[in-house]
N, C-alpha and C. Protein backbone atom coordinates (compact mmCIF):
# COMPACT_ATOMS: atom_id res chain seq x y z
N MET A 1 -137.15 94.88 -11.85
CA MET A 1 -135.46 95.14 -12.54
C MET A 1 -135.63 95.83 -13.86
N HIS A 2 -135.66 97.10 -14.16
CA HIS A 2 -135.78 97.30 -15.58
C HIS A 2 -133.80 97.30 -15.92
N LYS A 3 -134.26 97.09 -17.29
CA LYS A 3 -133.03 97.21 -18.32
C LYS A 3 -132.55 98.32 -18.33
N PRO A 4 -131.32 98.60 -18.57
CA PRO A 4 -130.40 99.43 -18.75
C PRO A 4 -130.48 99.94 -20.47
N ARG A 5 -130.99 101.16 -20.08
CA ARG A 5 -131.23 102.07 -21.77
C ARG A 5 -129.78 101.68 -22.62
N PRO A 6 -129.82 101.30 -24.07
CA PRO A 6 -128.61 100.71 -24.87
C PRO A 6 -127.69 101.97 -25.25
N ARG A 7 -126.73 102.36 -25.08
CA ARG A 7 -126.12 103.37 -25.58
C ARG A 7 -126.60 103.92 -27.09
N GLU A 8 -126.87 105.25 -27.08
CA GLU A 8 -127.23 105.64 -28.37
C GLU A 8 -126.20 106.61 -28.95
N VAL A 9 -126.00 107.06 -30.07
CA VAL A 9 -124.92 107.92 -30.98
C VAL A 9 -125.66 108.47 -32.00
N ASP A 10 -125.44 109.71 -32.06
CA ASP A 10 -126.14 110.33 -33.53
C ASP A 10 -125.00 110.63 -34.44
N ILE A 11 -125.21 109.78 -35.23
CA ILE A 11 -123.76 109.37 -36.15
C ILE A 11 -123.75 110.65 -37.41
N SER A 12 -124.79 111.24 -37.52
CA SER A 12 -124.61 112.66 -38.43
C SER A 12 -123.95 113.75 -37.93
N GLN A 13 -123.38 113.49 -36.83
CA GLN A 13 -122.26 114.58 -35.91
C GLN A 13 -121.24 114.08 -35.87
N MET A 14 -120.92 113.18 -36.29
CA MET A 14 -119.35 112.12 -36.02
C MET A 14 -118.82 112.56 -37.70
N ASN A 15 -117.42 112.51 -37.48
CA ASN A 15 -116.55 112.84 -38.80
C ASN A 15 -115.74 111.37 -38.96
N GLU A 16 -115.14 111.26 -39.84
CA GLU A 16 -114.32 109.84 -40.04
C GLU A 16 -113.54 109.59 -38.93
N THR A 17 -112.50 110.32 -38.19
CA THR A 17 -111.80 109.73 -37.08
C THR A 17 -113.01 109.47 -35.78
N GLU A 18 -113.90 110.06 -35.87
CA GLU A 18 -114.48 109.79 -34.53
C GLU A 18 -115.10 108.08 -34.98
N LEU A 19 -115.69 108.15 -36.02
CA LEU A 19 -115.89 106.65 -36.24
C LEU A 19 -114.66 105.52 -36.36
N GLN A 20 -113.77 105.99 -36.65
CA GLN A 20 -112.21 104.87 -36.56
C GLN A 20 -112.42 104.49 -35.22
N LEU A 21 -112.60 105.78 -34.26
CA LEU A 21 -112.42 105.77 -32.34
C LEU A 21 -113.17 104.67 -32.17
N LEU A 22 -114.70 105.23 -32.60
CA LEU A 22 -115.62 103.97 -32.20
C LEU A 22 -115.32 102.63 -32.45
N LYS A 23 -114.94 102.30 -33.52
CA LYS A 23 -114.75 101.18 -33.99
C LYS A 23 -113.74 100.42 -33.08
N THR A 24 -112.54 101.00 -32.45
CA THR A 24 -111.92 100.56 -31.25
C THR A 24 -112.57 100.46 -30.11
N GLN A 25 -113.09 101.65 -29.43
CA GLN A 25 -113.71 101.87 -27.92
C GLN A 25 -114.70 100.87 -27.55
N ASP A 26 -115.95 100.76 -28.99
CA ASP A 26 -117.02 100.67 -28.74
C ASP A 26 -117.28 99.69 -30.16
N PRO A 27 -117.06 98.42 -30.31
CA PRO A 27 -117.05 97.93 -31.70
C PRO A 27 -118.47 97.21 -31.68
N PHE A 28 -119.44 96.73 -30.68
CA PHE A 28 -120.92 96.87 -30.64
C PHE A 28 -121.79 98.00 -31.56
N LEU A 29 -121.22 99.07 -30.50
CA LEU A 29 -121.74 100.36 -31.47
C LEU A 29 -121.75 100.46 -33.01
N TYR A 30 -120.21 100.46 -32.89
CA TYR A 30 -119.70 100.50 -34.41
C TYR A 30 -120.13 100.04 -35.23
N HIS A 31 -120.44 98.41 -35.06
CA HIS A 31 -121.03 97.09 -35.73
C HIS A 31 -122.76 97.79 -35.94
N SER A 32 -123.29 98.42 -35.27
CA SER A 32 -124.75 98.49 -35.03
C SER A 32 -125.03 99.60 -36.09
N ILE A 33 -124.26 100.35 -36.61
CA ILE A 33 -124.83 101.50 -37.89
C ILE A 33 -124.84 100.53 -38.88
N PRO A 34 -126.05 100.69 -39.69
CA PRO A 34 -126.16 99.67 -40.46
C PRO A 34 -125.39 99.37 -41.63
N SER A 35 -125.03 100.84 -42.33
CA SER A 35 -124.37 101.02 -43.39
C SER A 35 -122.80 99.94 -43.30
N ILE A 36 -122.51 100.02 -42.17
CA ILE A 36 -121.24 99.23 -41.45
C ILE A 36 -121.37 97.75 -41.51
N LYS A 37 -122.40 97.46 -40.99
CA LYS A 37 -123.14 95.79 -40.81
C LYS A 37 -123.35 95.70 -41.94
N LYS A 38 -123.77 96.25 -42.80
CA LYS A 38 -123.94 95.40 -44.19
C LYS A 38 -123.04 95.62 -44.61
N ALA A 39 -121.92 96.49 -44.73
CA ALA A 39 -120.53 96.29 -45.88
C ALA A 39 -119.91 94.87 -45.32
N LYS A 40 -119.91 94.94 -43.97
CA LYS A 40 -119.19 93.73 -43.19
C LYS A 40 -119.78 92.34 -43.45
N LEU A 41 -120.74 92.50 -43.87
CA LEU A 41 -121.62 90.95 -43.72
C LEU A 41 -121.41 90.69 -45.48
N SER A 42 -121.39 91.92 -46.36
CA SER A 42 -120.83 91.36 -47.50
C SER A 42 -119.80 91.49 -48.05
N ALA A 43 -118.70 91.35 -47.26
CA ALA A 43 -117.33 91.27 -47.32
C ALA A 43 -117.05 92.42 -48.36
N HIS A 44 -117.75 93.41 -48.36
CA HIS A 44 -117.12 94.86 -48.74
C HIS A 44 -116.02 95.83 -48.06
N PRO A 45 -115.29 96.29 -48.32
CA PRO A 45 -114.49 97.32 -47.62
C PRO A 45 -115.24 98.46 -46.88
N ILE A 46 -114.95 99.12 -46.08
CA ILE A 46 -115.82 100.05 -45.65
C ILE A 46 -115.30 101.32 -45.45
N ASP A 47 -116.14 102.11 -46.03
CA ASP A 47 -115.33 103.98 -46.29
C ASP A 47 -116.48 104.47 -45.68
N HIS A 48 -115.71 105.19 -44.60
CA HIS A 48 -116.08 105.53 -43.68
C HIS A 48 -116.67 107.34 -44.27
N THR A 49 -116.07 107.57 -45.46
CA THR A 49 -116.70 108.82 -46.16
C THR A 49 -118.24 108.47 -46.69
N LYS A 50 -118.18 107.34 -47.35
CA LYS A 50 -119.30 106.92 -47.77
C LYS A 50 -120.80 106.76 -46.64
N VAL A 51 -120.15 105.99 -45.76
CA VAL A 51 -120.96 105.99 -44.46
C VAL A 51 -121.81 107.39 -44.13
N LEU A 52 -120.59 108.24 -43.96
CA LEU A 52 -121.13 109.65 -43.53
C LEU A 52 -122.32 110.21 -44.47
N GLN A 53 -121.81 110.55 -45.96
CA GLN A 53 -122.57 110.50 -47.01
C GLN A 53 -123.92 109.97 -47.05
N ASP A 54 -124.01 108.54 -46.75
CA ASP A 54 -125.26 108.03 -46.70
C ASP A 54 -126.32 108.26 -45.62
N VAL A 55 -125.52 108.79 -44.45
CA VAL A 55 -126.18 109.19 -43.41
C VAL A 55 -126.79 110.49 -43.78
N ALA A 56 -126.10 111.30 -44.37
CA ALA A 56 -126.64 112.72 -44.61
C ALA A 56 -128.10 112.87 -45.73
N THR A 57 -127.97 111.32 -46.31
CA THR A 57 -129.02 111.75 -47.14
C THR A 57 -130.55 110.53 -46.80
N GLN A 58 -130.48 110.25 -45.45
CA GLN A 58 -131.26 109.36 -44.44
C GLN A 58 -132.15 110.31 -43.77
N PRO A 59 -133.32 110.27 -43.23
CA PRO A 59 -134.23 110.95 -42.33
C PRO A 59 -133.40 111.13 -40.65
N ALA A 60 -133.66 112.00 -40.68
CA ALA A 60 -133.41 112.37 -39.52
C ALA A 60 -133.26 111.37 -37.81
N SER A 61 -134.27 110.72 -38.02
CA SER A 61 -134.73 109.79 -37.08
C SER A 61 -133.84 108.33 -37.55
N ASP A 62 -133.05 108.19 -38.63
CA ASP A 62 -132.03 106.90 -38.57
C ASP A 62 -130.87 107.35 -38.03
N HIS A 63 -130.66 108.56 -37.72
CA HIS A 63 -129.35 109.13 -37.59
C HIS A 63 -129.00 108.69 -36.19
N ILE A 64 -129.72 108.49 -35.14
CA ILE A 64 -129.31 107.98 -34.25
C ILE A 64 -129.56 106.53 -33.91
N ILE A 65 -128.25 105.99 -33.78
CA ILE A 65 -127.94 104.36 -33.56
C ILE A 65 -127.97 103.87 -32.10
N SER A 66 -128.41 103.17 -32.03
CA SER A 66 -128.53 102.55 -30.48
C SER A 66 -127.63 101.04 -30.67
N ARG A 67 -126.88 100.57 -29.69
CA ARG A 67 -126.03 99.85 -29.39
C ARG A 67 -126.23 98.54 -29.33
N GLN A 68 -126.13 97.72 -30.35
CA GLN A 68 -126.56 96.06 -30.31
C GLN A 68 -126.05 95.72 -29.17
N THR A 69 -126.38 94.76 -28.56
CA THR A 69 -125.76 93.88 -27.61
C THR A 69 -125.19 92.52 -28.09
N ARG A 70 -125.73 92.00 -29.39
CA ARG A 70 -125.28 90.93 -30.34
C ARG A 70 -124.96 91.84 -31.39
N VAL A 71 -124.25 91.05 -32.01
CA VAL A 71 -123.74 91.20 -33.58
C VAL A 71 -123.69 89.81 -34.56
N SER A 72 -124.51 89.85 -35.23
CA SER A 72 -124.60 88.47 -35.98
C SER A 72 -123.74 88.55 -37.50
N THR A 73 -123.01 87.07 -37.29
CA THR A 73 -122.04 87.37 -38.47
C THR A 73 -122.63 86.46 -39.79
N GLU A 74 -123.70 86.24 -39.90
CA GLU A 74 -124.57 85.41 -40.92
C GLU A 74 -124.96 86.49 -41.56
N CYS A 75 -124.99 86.39 -43.04
CA CYS A 75 -125.26 87.24 -43.88
C CYS A 75 -126.86 87.08 -44.21
N HIS A 76 -128.10 87.83 -44.64
CA HIS A 76 -129.18 88.00 -45.08
C HIS A 76 -129.43 86.91 -46.27
N ALA A 77 -130.54 86.14 -46.31
CA ALA A 77 -130.59 85.53 -47.26
C ALA A 77 -130.65 85.93 -48.98
N SER A 78 -130.61 87.14 -48.85
CA SER A 78 -131.08 87.82 -49.98
C SER A 78 -129.68 88.16 -50.46
N LEU A 79 -128.91 88.60 -49.52
CA LEU A 79 -127.25 88.84 -49.97
C LEU A 79 -126.69 87.54 -50.56
N ALA A 80 -126.77 86.58 -49.44
CA ALA A 80 -126.03 85.10 -50.14
C ALA A 80 -126.78 84.55 -51.40
N ILE A 81 -128.23 84.83 -51.87
CA ILE A 81 -128.75 84.46 -53.14
C ILE A 81 -127.95 85.16 -54.32
N GLU A 82 -127.86 86.83 -53.95
CA GLU A 82 -126.90 87.54 -54.91
C GLU A 82 -125.94 87.13 -55.17
N GLY A 83 -124.69 86.62 -54.43
CA GLY A 83 -123.65 86.08 -54.24
C GLY A 83 -123.70 84.80 -55.17
N PHE A 84 -124.57 83.71 -54.98
CA PHE A 84 -124.54 82.79 -55.55
C PHE A 84 -125.18 83.30 -57.37
N ILE A 85 -125.92 84.00 -57.23
CA ILE A 85 -126.32 84.24 -58.76
C ILE A 85 -124.97 84.83 -59.39
N ASP A 86 -124.33 86.07 -58.77
CA ASP A 86 -122.90 86.28 -59.54
C ASP A 86 -122.31 85.36 -59.90
N GLU A 87 -121.80 84.33 -59.33
CA GLU A 87 -121.44 82.88 -59.13
C GLU A 87 -121.74 82.13 -60.26
N ILE A 88 -122.84 82.04 -60.42
CA ILE A 88 -123.51 81.15 -62.01
C ILE A 88 -123.29 81.98 -63.12
N LEU A 89 -123.64 83.58 -62.87
CA LEU A 89 -123.35 84.29 -64.26
C LEU A 89 -121.73 84.34 -64.60
N LEU A 90 -121.09 84.27 -63.68
CA LEU A 90 -119.77 84.02 -64.07
C LEU A 90 -119.58 82.75 -64.76
N ASP A 91 -120.13 81.69 -63.75
CA ASP A 91 -119.81 79.93 -64.76
C ASP A 91 -119.96 80.10 -66.22
N ASP A 92 -121.40 80.85 -66.23
CA ASP A 92 -121.47 80.69 -67.65
C ASP A 92 -121.00 81.39 -68.56
N LYS A 93 -120.16 82.19 -68.39
CA LYS A 93 -119.34 82.92 -69.12
C LYS A 93 -118.19 82.41 -69.31
N LEU A 94 -117.63 81.58 -68.48
CA LEU A 94 -116.48 80.73 -68.83
C LEU A 94 -116.73 79.44 -69.35
N PHE A 95 -117.70 78.78 -68.95
CA PHE A 95 -118.15 77.43 -69.23
C PHE A 95 -119.02 77.45 -70.89
N PHE A 96 -119.97 78.31 -71.00
CA PHE A 96 -121.18 78.32 -71.72
C PHE A 96 -120.48 79.68 -72.88
N SER A 97 -119.47 79.46 -73.38
CA SER A 97 -118.83 81.36 -74.12
C SER A 97 -118.87 80.43 -75.70
N PRO A 98 -119.50 80.92 -76.48
CA PRO A 98 -119.34 80.73 -78.29
C PRO A 98 -117.88 79.72 -78.22
N PRO A 99 -117.83 79.15 -79.21
CA PRO A 99 -116.15 78.96 -79.17
C PRO A 99 -115.42 79.68 -79.98
N SER A 100 -114.41 79.77 -80.09
CA SER A 100 -113.58 81.24 -80.81
C SER A 100 -113.66 80.79 -82.33
N SER A 101 -113.45 81.33 -83.41
CA SER A 101 -112.95 81.17 -84.87
C SER A 101 -112.21 80.12 -84.94
N SER A 102 -111.10 80.46 -84.57
CA SER A 102 -110.18 79.39 -84.59
C SER A 102 -110.58 77.69 -84.03
N ASN A 103 -111.10 77.76 -83.25
CA ASN A 103 -111.57 76.48 -82.73
C ASN A 103 -112.74 76.12 -84.02
N LYS A 104 -113.59 76.55 -84.06
CA LYS A 104 -114.34 76.14 -85.29
C LYS A 104 -113.87 75.80 -86.53
N GLN A 105 -112.77 76.46 -86.87
CA GLN A 105 -111.89 76.05 -87.82
C GLN A 105 -110.98 74.37 -87.68
N LYS A 106 -111.04 74.71 -86.47
CA LYS A 106 -110.05 73.02 -86.10
C LYS A 106 -111.34 72.01 -86.09
N ASN A 107 -112.60 72.15 -85.61
CA ASN A 107 -113.56 71.43 -85.55
C ASN A 107 -113.76 70.65 -86.83
N THR A 108 -114.23 71.97 -87.66
CA THR A 108 -114.13 71.40 -89.18
C THR A 108 -113.68 70.71 -89.77
N LYS A 109 -111.88 71.02 -89.80
CA LYS A 109 -111.01 69.95 -90.63
C LYS A 109 -110.84 68.53 -89.81
N ASN A 110 -111.22 68.60 -88.46
CA ASN A 110 -111.11 67.23 -88.04
C ASN A 110 -112.37 66.82 -88.22
N SER A 111 -113.28 67.28 -88.78
CA SER A 111 -114.87 66.31 -88.88
C SER A 111 -114.80 65.81 -90.65
N ARG A 112 -114.06 66.45 -91.28
CA ARG A 112 -113.69 66.35 -92.71
C ARG A 112 -112.64 65.23 -92.95
N ALA A 113 -111.68 64.93 -91.78
CA ALA A 113 -110.48 63.99 -91.92
C ALA A 113 -111.51 62.97 -91.26
N ALA A 114 -112.17 62.72 -90.82
CA ALA A 114 -112.84 61.62 -90.16
C ALA A 114 -113.73 60.96 -91.29
């Protein structure tokens, strides 16, 4: 018994309206598009104009997208690590920022009074 060939689409021939229709008519095929999948997993908004521009810069062999039968909701480790690093850098700016000049003056007055 042979497995049926997965549905494929050439996204270089699509426009924004067709991408939006694909999202509702065949969500698995829609989420099989690499740039859409990446945006969803990294919680970024999906811009169909940008998706189509990205396709135009890729080799023709990457224009044909095969429908995936499963969609993973787990992000790749590199995306998770990137998110953790961003959080750490933000925390460092909040907790390890140099004291302002008004705080320095208060600290020197308090140490003299003691």
